[in-house]
Amino acid sequence: MKITVQKFGGTSVAGLERMKRVLEIVSRECARGNKVVIVLSAMAGETNRLLDLASQWSSDPDPAELDALATTGEQVSVALFAMLCKDAGLKARSVLGHQVQIRTTCDYTNARILDIDANTLRAMLNDHDVLAVAGFQGCDEHGRLTTLGRGGSDTSGVALAAALNAETCEIYTDVEGVFTTDPNICDKARKLDRISYDEMLEMASMGAKVLQIRSVEFAKKYNVPVRVRSTFSDNPGTLVSQEDKSMEYVLVSGIAYDKDQARVTIYDVLDQPGVASSIFGPIAEKGILVDMIIQNTSRDGHTDMTFTVSRKDLQKTLALLEAVRQDIGAKEIQSDTGVCKVSVIGVGMRNHSGVASRAFAAMARENINLLMLSTSEIKITMLIEDKYAELAVRTLHEEFELDKQPGERKVGEV
């Protein structure tokens, strides 16, 4: 049995005409003799509408009931699409998360997949050409519906492809694929033919909305090649896969940015063992992600510490710091939301030097001050004032000539 998994986002199923386009794509795959598992999101805007309803009914909605409500959006999509398929002569049925038995943790609104009953799915595929599976959802050990977080349908698609050992996993969206940077702010952005899992992970972690980061983690863990492509064209899109030797010769693959950042600085904390734990322990317990961290050189037994968090977590973070302020000896706590992160990403950095110096020089030419820095094997991240975000992205994109194919670029300092 040859199985193809295809996931379609909310814009792809936003109405009858768009669903008919999805039907054309699925029908072509069936004509090749493949069984198709199609994972659908809720219609564009529907999940937000449902969450708005919840906020009207309750100032603090119960997470489990919130999931029960939010999953209805995908249920509508798969039922309607199954109707289209049947009218077109395809053997199809809709399938919800609890029917597939996508078993998850009990972390309502942000559950993680534990297991998928692939045998049940294969048995269904024996009798059907198409299974329209509700994305974004599963069920916990108590049989309650759960959701996988915003963008979770990507994770549903990749996880199903891994469980079924599918031939391909295609993620259909409203863009042509993965670009060297955001084409909305850089008109020279170029679509990539291929990108490695690690590069895509870094792009997703920086706010690139093409793929949910957990779907990329799944793909890498189970070695599922994922093709990102547009529902509305026949462009082959971008293949996300294991890196190979040819990728290592590409110095930089993309420029990413993230405006959802806030900087927190704690002044004159005690410079002694246990202080960092007192600061970041309570933050971690509340599920707040801390990214860049800088600690200054000690002065008379005290030091300053700066780190970044998501803007939505800033007030909660400041409240937690106030609670331990006396224990850590802090004299002052300041915060700033007028910052953003800009990153240069590429697996080629593992084997080439000079990327950082070129990036810093390019920023200096535009008089953009670097507030904080962090690096990994394949990423250099700079915290800057958010008013310079678009200029920084365009500057770095031009510096590394990402509008050109890799073989056309100058080598530079490597």
Protein backbone atom coordinates (compact mmCIF):
# COMPACT_ATOMS: atom_id res chain seq x y z
CA MET A 1 0.00 0.00 0.00
CA LYS A 2 1.52 3.33 -1.11
CA ILE A 3 0.44 6.15 1.18
CA THR A 4 0.72 9.89 0.69
CA VAL A 5 0.06 12.34 3.50
CA GLN A 6 -1.04 15.84 2.51
CA LYS A 7 -1.80 18.66 4.93
CA PHE A 8 -3.81 21.74 3.94
CA GLY A 9 -3.93 24.92 6.00
CA GLY A 10 -6.84 27.17 6.81
CA THR A 11 -6.52 29.38 3.72
CA SER A 12 -6.62 26.28 1.52
CA VAL A 13 -10.02 25.20 2.89
CA ALA A 14 -11.52 28.66 3.40
CA GLY A 15 -14.52 28.02 1.16
CA LEU A 16 -16.12 25.76 -1.43
CA GLU A 17 -14.00 26.86 -4.40
CA ARG A 18 -10.77 26.43 -2.50
CA MET A 19 -11.83 23.02 -1.26
CA LYS A 20 -12.52 22.06 -4.87
CA ARG A 21 -8.89 22.94 -5.65
CA VAL A 22 -7.81 20.66 -2.79
CA LEU A 23 -10.02 17.94 -4.27
CA GLU A 24 -8.17 18.26 -7.61
CA ILE A 25 -4.82 17.74 -5.87
CA VAL A 26 -6.06 14.76 -3.87
CA SER A 27 -7.73 13.21 -6.93
CA ARG A 28 -4.46 13.39 -8.89
CA GLU A 29 -2.70 11.49 -6.12
CA CYS A 30 -5.44 8.85 -6.05
CA ALA A 31 -5.12 8.49 -9.85
CA ARG A 32 -1.48 7.51 -9.30
CA GLY A 33 -2.70 4.54 -7.30
CA ASN A 34 -1.84 5.99 -3.88
CA LYS A 35 -3.96 6.02 -0.77
CA VAL A 36 -4.23 9.56 0.59
CA VAL A 37 -4.39 10.69 4.20
CA ILE A 38 -5.35 14.35 4.05
CA VAL A 39 -4.94 16.45 7.19
CA LEU A 40 -7.08 19.57 7.30
CA SER A 41 -7.01 22.69 9.43
CA ALA A 42 -10.09 24.69 10.36
CA MET A 43 -11.28 27.20 7.79
CA ALA A 44 -9.28 30.45 7.89
CA GLY A 45 -10.33 32.56 10.88
CA GLU A 46 -12.52 29.86 12.42
CA THR A 47 -10.23 28.96 15.33
CA ASN A 48 -9.90 32.64 16.27
CA ARG A 49 -13.70 32.98 16.14
CA LEU A 50 -14.12 30.04 18.50
CA LEU A 51 -11.50 31.34 20.93
CA ASP A 52 -13.17 34.76 20.88
CA LEU A 53 -16.45 33.07 21.82
CA ALA A 54 -14.73 31.40 24.76
CA SER A 55 -13.33 34.73 25.98
CA GLN A 56 -16.85 36.21 25.88
CA TRP A 57 -18.22 33.39 28.04
CA SER A 58 -15.34 33.23 30.49
CA SER A 59 -12.46 35.48 31.58
CA ASP A 60 -10.39 32.37 32.31
CA PRO A 61 -11.69 29.46 30.18
CA ASP A 62 -11.00 25.95 31.39
CA PRO A 63 -8.24 24.59 29.08
CA ALA A 64 -9.94 21.21 28.59
CA GLU A 65 -13.21 22.86 27.56
CA LEU A 66 -11.27 25.26 25.37
CA ASP A 67 -9.85 22.27 23.48
CA ALA A 68 -13.29 20.69 23.19
CA LEU A 69 -14.46 23.92 21.58
CA ALA A 70 -11.46 24.58 19.34
CA THR A 71 -11.44 21.10 17.80
CA THR A 72 -14.86 21.68 16.23
CA GLY A 73 -13.26 23.86 13.56
CA GLU A 74 -11.33 20.94 12.07
CA GLN A 75 -14.37 18.67 12.40
CA VAL A 76 -16.28 20.99 10.06
CA SER A 77 -13.46 20.96 7.50
CA VAL A 78 -13.03 17.19 7.30
CA ALA A 79 -16.77 16.47 7.15
CA LEU A 80 -17.32 18.95 4.31
CA PHE A 81 -14.30 17.69 2.39
CA ALA A 82 -15.38 14.06 2.75
CA MET A 83 -18.71 15.05 1.20
CA LEU A 84 -16.88 16.58 -1.79
CA CYS A 85 -14.79 13.44 -2.23
CA LYS A 86 -17.81 11.14 -2.16
CA ASP A 87 -19.65 13.26 -4.71
CA ALA A 88 -16.54 12.99 -6.93
CA GLY A 89 -16.65 9.18 -6.75
CA LEU A 90 -13.85 8.69 -4.24
CA LYS A 91 -14.20 6.32 -1.31
CA ALA A 92 -13.65 8.71 1.57
CA ARG A 93 -14.51 9.31 5.19
CA SER A 94 -13.75 11.90 7.84
CA VAL A 95 -11.72 10.87 10.88
CA LEU A 96 -11.31 12.77 14.16
CA GLY A 97 -8.34 12.64 16.51
CA HIS A 98 -9.94 10.28 19.00
CA GLN A 99 -11.03 7.93 16.19
CA VAL A 100 -7.50 7.66 14.84
CA GLN A 101 -6.32 7.34 18.40
CA ILE A 102 -3.71 10.08 18.25
CA ARG A 103 -2.80 9.73 21.90
CA THR A 104 -1.37 12.82 23.59
CA THR A 105 -0.34 14.22 26.94
CA CYS A 106 -2.96 15.96 29.09
CA ASP A 107 -1.45 19.42 28.46
CA TYR A 108 -4.64 20.98 27.13
CA THR A 109 -4.17 23.67 24.43
CA ASN A 110 -0.56 22.53 23.93
CA ALA A 111 -0.52 18.73 24.09
CA ARG A 112 2.27 16.54 22.73
CA ILE A 113 1.76 13.38 20.71
CA LEU A 114 2.68 10.16 22.51
CA ASP A 115 1.49 7.52 20.04
CA ILE A 116 -0.61 6.99 16.93
CA ASP A 117 -2.59 3.82 16.24
CA ALA A 118 -1.27 3.20 12.72
CA ASN A 119 -3.02 -0.19 12.50
CA THR A 120 -6.44 1.44 12.82
CA LEU A 121 -5.56 3.88 10.06
CA ARG A 122 -4.27 1.14 7.75
CA ALA A 123 -7.46 -0.84 8.30
CA MET A 124 -9.49 2.21 7.30
CA LEU A 125 -7.31 2.68 4.20
CA ASN A 126 -8.10 -0.86 3.09
CA ASP A 127 -11.69 0.29 2.60
CA HIS A 128 -11.16 3.91 1.55
CA ASP A 129 -9.16 5.91 -1.00
CA VAL A 130 -9.07 9.04 1.13
CA LEU A 131 -9.08 9.62 4.88
CA ALA A 132 -9.80 13.23 5.82
CA VAL A 133 -8.18 13.53 9.25
CA ALA A 134 -8.82 16.47 11.55
CA GLY A 135 -5.51 18.20 12.20
CA PHE A 136 -4.43 19.92 15.39
CA GLN A 137 -6.13 17.40 17.67
CA GLY A 138 -5.77 14.16 19.59
CA CYS A 139 -7.06 12.63 22.81
CA ASP A 140 -5.55 12.01 26.23
CA GLU A 141 -5.62 8.96 28.51
CA HIS A 142 -9.03 10.00 29.81
CA GLY A 143 -10.53 10.11 26.32
CA ARG A 144 -10.75 13.91 26.34
CA LEU A 145 -10.00 15.90 23.19
CA THR A 146 -6.71 17.81 23.18
CA THR A 147 -5.09 20.27 20.80
CA LEU A 148 -1.44 20.50 19.75
CA GLY A 149 -1.03 24.29 19.89
CA ARG A 150 -1.43 26.85 17.13
CA GLY A 151 -0.14 25.49 13.84
CA GLY A 152 -0.52 21.98 15.23
CA SER A 153 -1.96 20.58 12.00
CA ASP A 154 1.58 20.61 10.58
CA THR A 155 2.62 18.34 13.43
CA SER A 156 -0.41 16.12 12.86
CA GLY A 157 0.58 15.67 9.20
CA VAL A 158 4.23 14.85 9.85
CA ALA A 159 3.39 12.54 12.75
CA LEU A 160 0.88 10.59 10.64
CA ALA A 161 3.43 10.30 7.81
CA ALA A 162 5.97 8.90 10.28
CA ALA A 163 3.50 6.44 11.82
CA LEU A 164 2.33 5.18 8.43
CA ASN A 165 5.78 5.20 6.84
CA ALA A 166 4.25 7.28 4.06
CA GLU A 167 6.04 7.77 0.74
CA THR A 168 5.72 11.55 0.97
CA CYS A 169 4.48 14.24 3.33
CA GLU A 170 3.35 17.42 1.61
CA ILE A 171 2.43 20.57 3.53
CA TYR A 172 0.20 22.77 1.38
CA THR A 173 -0.13 26.41 2.29
CA ASP A 174 -0.65 29.82 0.69
CA VAL A 175 3.05 30.42 -0.10
CA GLU A 176 5.26 28.78 -2.74
CA GLY A 177 7.66 27.26 -0.21
CA VAL A 178 10.42 28.33 2.18
CA PHE A 179 12.14 31.60 1.25
CA THR A 180 15.56 33.02 2.08
CA THR A 181 13.71 35.59 4.18
CA ASP A 182 10.25 37.10 4.54
CA PRO A 183 9.23 38.20 1.01
CA ASN A 184 6.84 40.71 2.55
CA ILE A 185 9.75 42.86 3.71
CA CYS A 186 12.44 41.91 1.18
CA ASP A 187 11.38 41.82 -2.46
CA LYS A 188 14.61 40.01 -3.36
CA ALA A 189 13.77 36.99 -1.21
CA ARG A 190 14.25 33.76 -3.16
CA LYS A 191 12.43 30.46 -2.78
CA LEU A 192 14.72 27.66 -1.65
CA ASP A 193 14.62 24.36 -3.50
CA ARG A 194 15.84 22.53 -0.43
CA ILE A 195 16.61 23.22 3.23
CA SER A 196 17.94 20.99 6.02
CA TYR A 197 15.95 20.05 9.11
CA ASP A 198 18.37 22.00 11.33
CA GLU A 199 18.11 25.15 9.23
CA MET A 200 14.32 24.88 9.17
CA LEU A 201 14.27 24.40 12.94
CA GLU A 202 16.23 27.61 13.38
CA MET A 203 13.99 29.47 10.93
CA ALA A 204 10.86 28.22 12.71
CA SER A 205 12.24 29.08 16.16
CA MET A 206 12.80 32.63 14.94
CA GLY A 207 9.17 33.07 14.02
CA ALA A 208 9.08 31.92 10.39
CA LYS A 209 5.47 30.77 10.10
CA VAL A 210 5.86 28.33 7.20
CA LEU A 211 6.07 25.29 9.49
CA GLN A 212 5.33 24.78 13.17
CA ILE A 213 8.62 24.06 14.95
CA ARG A 214 7.36 20.82 16.52
CA SER A 215 6.49 19.45 13.08
CA VAL A 216 10.11 19.99 12.01
CA GLU A 217 11.35 18.26 15.18
CA PHE A 218 9.12 15.30 14.35
CA ALA A 219 10.35 15.21 10.75
CA LYS A 220 13.99 15.24 11.84
CA LYS A 221 13.51 12.60 14.54
CA TYR A 222 11.77 10.15 12.19
CA ASN A 223 13.55 11.24 9.00
CA VAL A 224 10.35 12.25 7.21
CA PRO A 225 11.08 14.31 4.06
CA VAL A 226 8.59 17.18 4.00
CA ARG A 227 7.73 19.23 0.93
CA VAL A 228 6.27 22.69 1.54
CA ARG A 229 4.29 23.97 -1.43
CA SER A 230 1.37 26.17 -2.46
CA THR A 231 -2.18 24.91 -2.88
CA PHE A 232 -2.72 27.45 -5.61
CA SER A 233 0.11 26.60 -8.03
CA ASP A 234 1.97 23.57 -9.36
CA ASN A 235 5.37 24.84 -8.18
CA PRO A 236 7.27 21.94 -6.54
CA GLY A 237 7.97 24.06 -3.46
CA THR A 238 10.77 23.41 -0.96
CA LEU A 239 12.00 20.04 0.29
CA VAL A 240 12.90 19.88 3.99
CA SER A 241 15.22 16.92 4.54
CA GLN A 242 18.47 15.61 5.98
CA GLU A 243 21.44 17.74 5.04
CA ASP A 244 23.98 16.43 2.55
CA LYS A 245 27.46 17.49 1.43
CA SER A 246 26.14 19.97 -1.12
CA MET A 247 24.34 21.93 1.62
CA GLU A 248 27.59 22.43 3.53
CA TYR A 249 29.00 24.49 0.67
CA VAL A 250 26.23 27.08 1.08
CA LEU A 251 27.54 29.62 3.56
CA VAL A 252 24.17 31.15 4.51
CA SER A 253 20.71 29.82 3.64
CA GLY A 254 18.42 32.40 5.15
CA ILE A 255 17.78 35.47 7.30
CA ALA A 256 15.07 35.26 9.96
CA TYR A 257 13.66 37.78 12.41
CA ASP A 258 11.40 37.75 15.45
CA LYS A 259 9.67 40.87 16.77
CA ASP A 260 7.97 39.01 19.63
CA GLN A 261 10.80 39.86 22.02
CA ALA A 262 11.26 41.71 25.31
CA ARG A 263 14.52 42.42 27.10
CA VAL A 264 14.78 42.21 30.89
CA THR A 265 17.75 43.53 32.87
CA ILE A 266 18.33 42.90 36.59
CA TYR A 267 20.85 45.29 38.13
CA ASP A 268 23.27 44.56 40.96
CA VAL A 269 22.24 41.02 41.79
CA LEU A 270 24.48 39.06 44.13
CA ASP A 271 27.27 37.29 42.24
CA GLN A 272 27.23 33.99 44.10
CA PRO A 273 26.17 30.35 43.54
CA GLY A 274 22.40 29.77 43.44
CA VAL A 275 21.35 33.24 42.30
CA ALA A 276 20.89 32.27 38.65
CA SER A 277 18.81 29.30 39.76
CA SER A 278 16.67 31.57 41.94
CA ILE A 279 16.02 33.77 38.91
CA PHE A 280 15.43 31.25 36.16
CA GLY A 281 13.95 28.37 38.19
CA PRO A 282 10.56 30.04 38.85
CA ILE A 283 10.47 31.30 35.26
CA ALA A 284 11.01 27.79 33.91
CA GLU A 285 8.35 26.35 36.24
CA LYS A 286 5.78 28.67 34.62
CA GLY A 287 6.72 27.41 31.15
CA ILE A 288 8.29 30.71 30.08
CA LEU A 289 11.03 30.31 27.47
CA VAL A 290 14.18 32.35 28.06
CA ASP A 291 16.46 32.83 25.09
CA MET A 292 19.50 35.12 25.11
CA ILE A 293 21.26 35.51 28.50
CA ILE A 294 24.18 37.80 29.34
CA GLN A 295 25.85 38.22 32.73
CA ASN A 296 28.32 41.07 33.19
CA THR A 297 31.66 40.87 34.99
CA SER A 298 31.34 40.94 38.77
CA ARG A 299 31.81 44.26 40.60
CA ASP A 300 32.23 44.18 44.39
CA GLY A 301 30.29 40.94 44.62
CA HIS A 302 27.42 42.13 42.39
CA THR A 303 26.63 41.82 38.71
CA ASP A 304 23.99 42.71 36.11
CA MET A 305 22.03 40.06 34.22
CA THR A 306 20.09 40.53 30.96
CA PHE A 307 17.87 38.07 29.11
CA THR A 308 15.03 37.95 26.60
CA VAL A 309 11.52 36.47 26.74
CA SER A 310 8.45 36.62 24.55
CA ARG A 311 6.51 39.88 24.89
CA LYS A 312 3.39 37.99 25.94
CA ASP A 313 5.33 36.55 28.92
CA LEU A 314 6.91 39.84 30.04
CA GLN A 315 4.45 40.85 32.77
CA LYS A 316 4.41 37.35 34.23
CA THR A 317 8.23 37.32 34.20
CA LEU A 318 8.47 40.70 35.95
CA ALA A 319 6.04 39.52 38.66
CA LEU A 320 8.16 36.42 39.27
CA LEU A 321 11.33 38.53 39.52
CA GLU A 322 9.71 40.91 42.03
CA ALA A 323 8.86 37.90 44.18
CA VAL A 324 12.56 36.95 44.47
CA ARG A 325 14.02 40.45 44.27
CA GLN A 326 15.13 40.65 47.91
CA ASP A 327 16.55 37.11 47.88
CA ILE A 328 18.83 37.86 44.92
CA GLY A 329 19.76 41.34 46.16
CA ALA A 330 18.60 43.13 43.00
CA LYS A 331 18.53 46.92 43.17
CA GLU A 332 16.53 47.50 40.01
CA ILE A 333 14.64 45.58 37.31
CA GLN A 334 14.09 47.15 33.90
CA SER A 335 12.37 45.89 30.76
CA ASP A 336 12.12 46.95 27.14
CA THR A 337 9.74 45.75 24.40
CA GLY A 338 11.26 47.84 21.61
CA VAL A 339 13.65 45.09 20.52
CA CYS A 340 13.75 42.25 18.01
CA LYS A 341 16.02 39.39 17.01
CA VAL A 342 17.60 39.02 13.59
CA SER A 343 19.44 35.82 12.69
CA VAL A 344 21.79 34.62 9.97
CA ILE A 345 21.25 30.87 9.41
CA GLY A 346 23.17 28.24 7.45
CA VAL A 347 24.67 24.77 7.96
CA GLY A 348 27.70 25.98 6.00
CA MET A 349 28.80 27.94 9.07
CA ARG A 350 30.04 24.68 10.61
CA ASN A 351 32.88 24.56 8.11
CA HIS A 352 33.47 28.22 7.21
CA SER A 353 34.62 31.25 9.18
CA GLY A 354 33.93 34.92 8.60
CA VAL A 355 30.13 34.92 8.70
CA ALA A 356 29.94 36.82 11.99
CA SER A 357 32.43 39.48 10.92
CA ARG A 358 30.56 40.08 7.66
CA ALA A 359 27.23 40.30 9.46
CA PHE A 360 28.54 42.72 12.09
CA ALA A 361 30.24 44.89 9.45
CA ALA A 362 27.03 45.07 7.41
CA MET A 363 25.06 46.18 10.46
CA ALA A 364 27.70 48.77 11.32
CA ARG A 365 27.49 50.27 7.82
CA GLU A 366 23.80 50.93 8.46
CA ASN A 367 24.53 52.29 11.95
CA ILE A 368 22.48 49.51 13.59
CA ASN A 369 23.63 48.92 17.17
CA LEU A 370 23.90 45.34 18.45
CA LEU A 371 22.35 45.07 21.92
CA MET A 372 22.97 41.36 22.55
CA LEU A 373 24.52 38.44 20.65
CA SER A 374 24.18 34.68 20.70
CA THR A 375 25.55 31.97 18.44
CA SER A 376 25.13 28.29 17.67
CA GLU A 377 26.79 26.00 15.14
CA ILE A 378 24.54 27.23 12.34
CA LYS A 379 23.09 30.52 13.59
CA ILE A 380 24.20 34.01 14.62
CA THR A 381 21.49 36.01 16.40
CA MET A 382 21.61 39.75 17.06
CA LEU A 383 19.23 41.68 19.30
CA ILE A 384 18.58 45.15 17.90
CA GLU A 385 16.03 47.94 18.23
CA ASP A 386 12.86 46.75 16.50
CA LYS A 387 12.58 49.91 14.39
CA TYR A 388 15.59 48.62 12.42
CA ALA A 389 14.21 45.11 11.87
CA GLU A 390 13.29 45.41 8.20
CA LEU A 391 16.44 47.36 7.33
CA ALA A 392 18.57 44.73 9.08
CA VAL A 393 16.90 41.87 7.22
CA ARG A 394 17.37 43.53 3.83
CA THR A 395 20.96 44.50 4.65
CA LEU A 396 21.97 40.97 5.68
CA HIS A 397 20.11 39.45 2.72
CA GLU A 398 22.10 41.69 0.39
CA GLU A 399 25.41 41.12 2.19
CA PHE A 400 25.21 37.36 1.70
CA GLU A 401 23.71 37.68 -1.80
CA LEU A 402 20.80 35.43 -1.01
CA ASP A 403 18.90 36.63 -4.07
CA LYS A 404 21.42 34.63 -6.13
CA GLN A 405 21.86 30.88 -6.50
CA PRO A 406 24.71 29.57 -4.29
CA GLY A 407 27.08 29.06 -7.23
CA GLU A 408 26.66 32.68 -8.30
CA ARG A 409 27.66 34.24 -4.97
CA LYS A 410 31.07 35.64 -4.15
CA VAL A 411 32.90 33.51 -1.61
CA GLY A 412 33.78 36.37 0.77
CA GLU A 413 35.68 35.67 3.95
CA VAL A 414 35.56 31.89 4.22
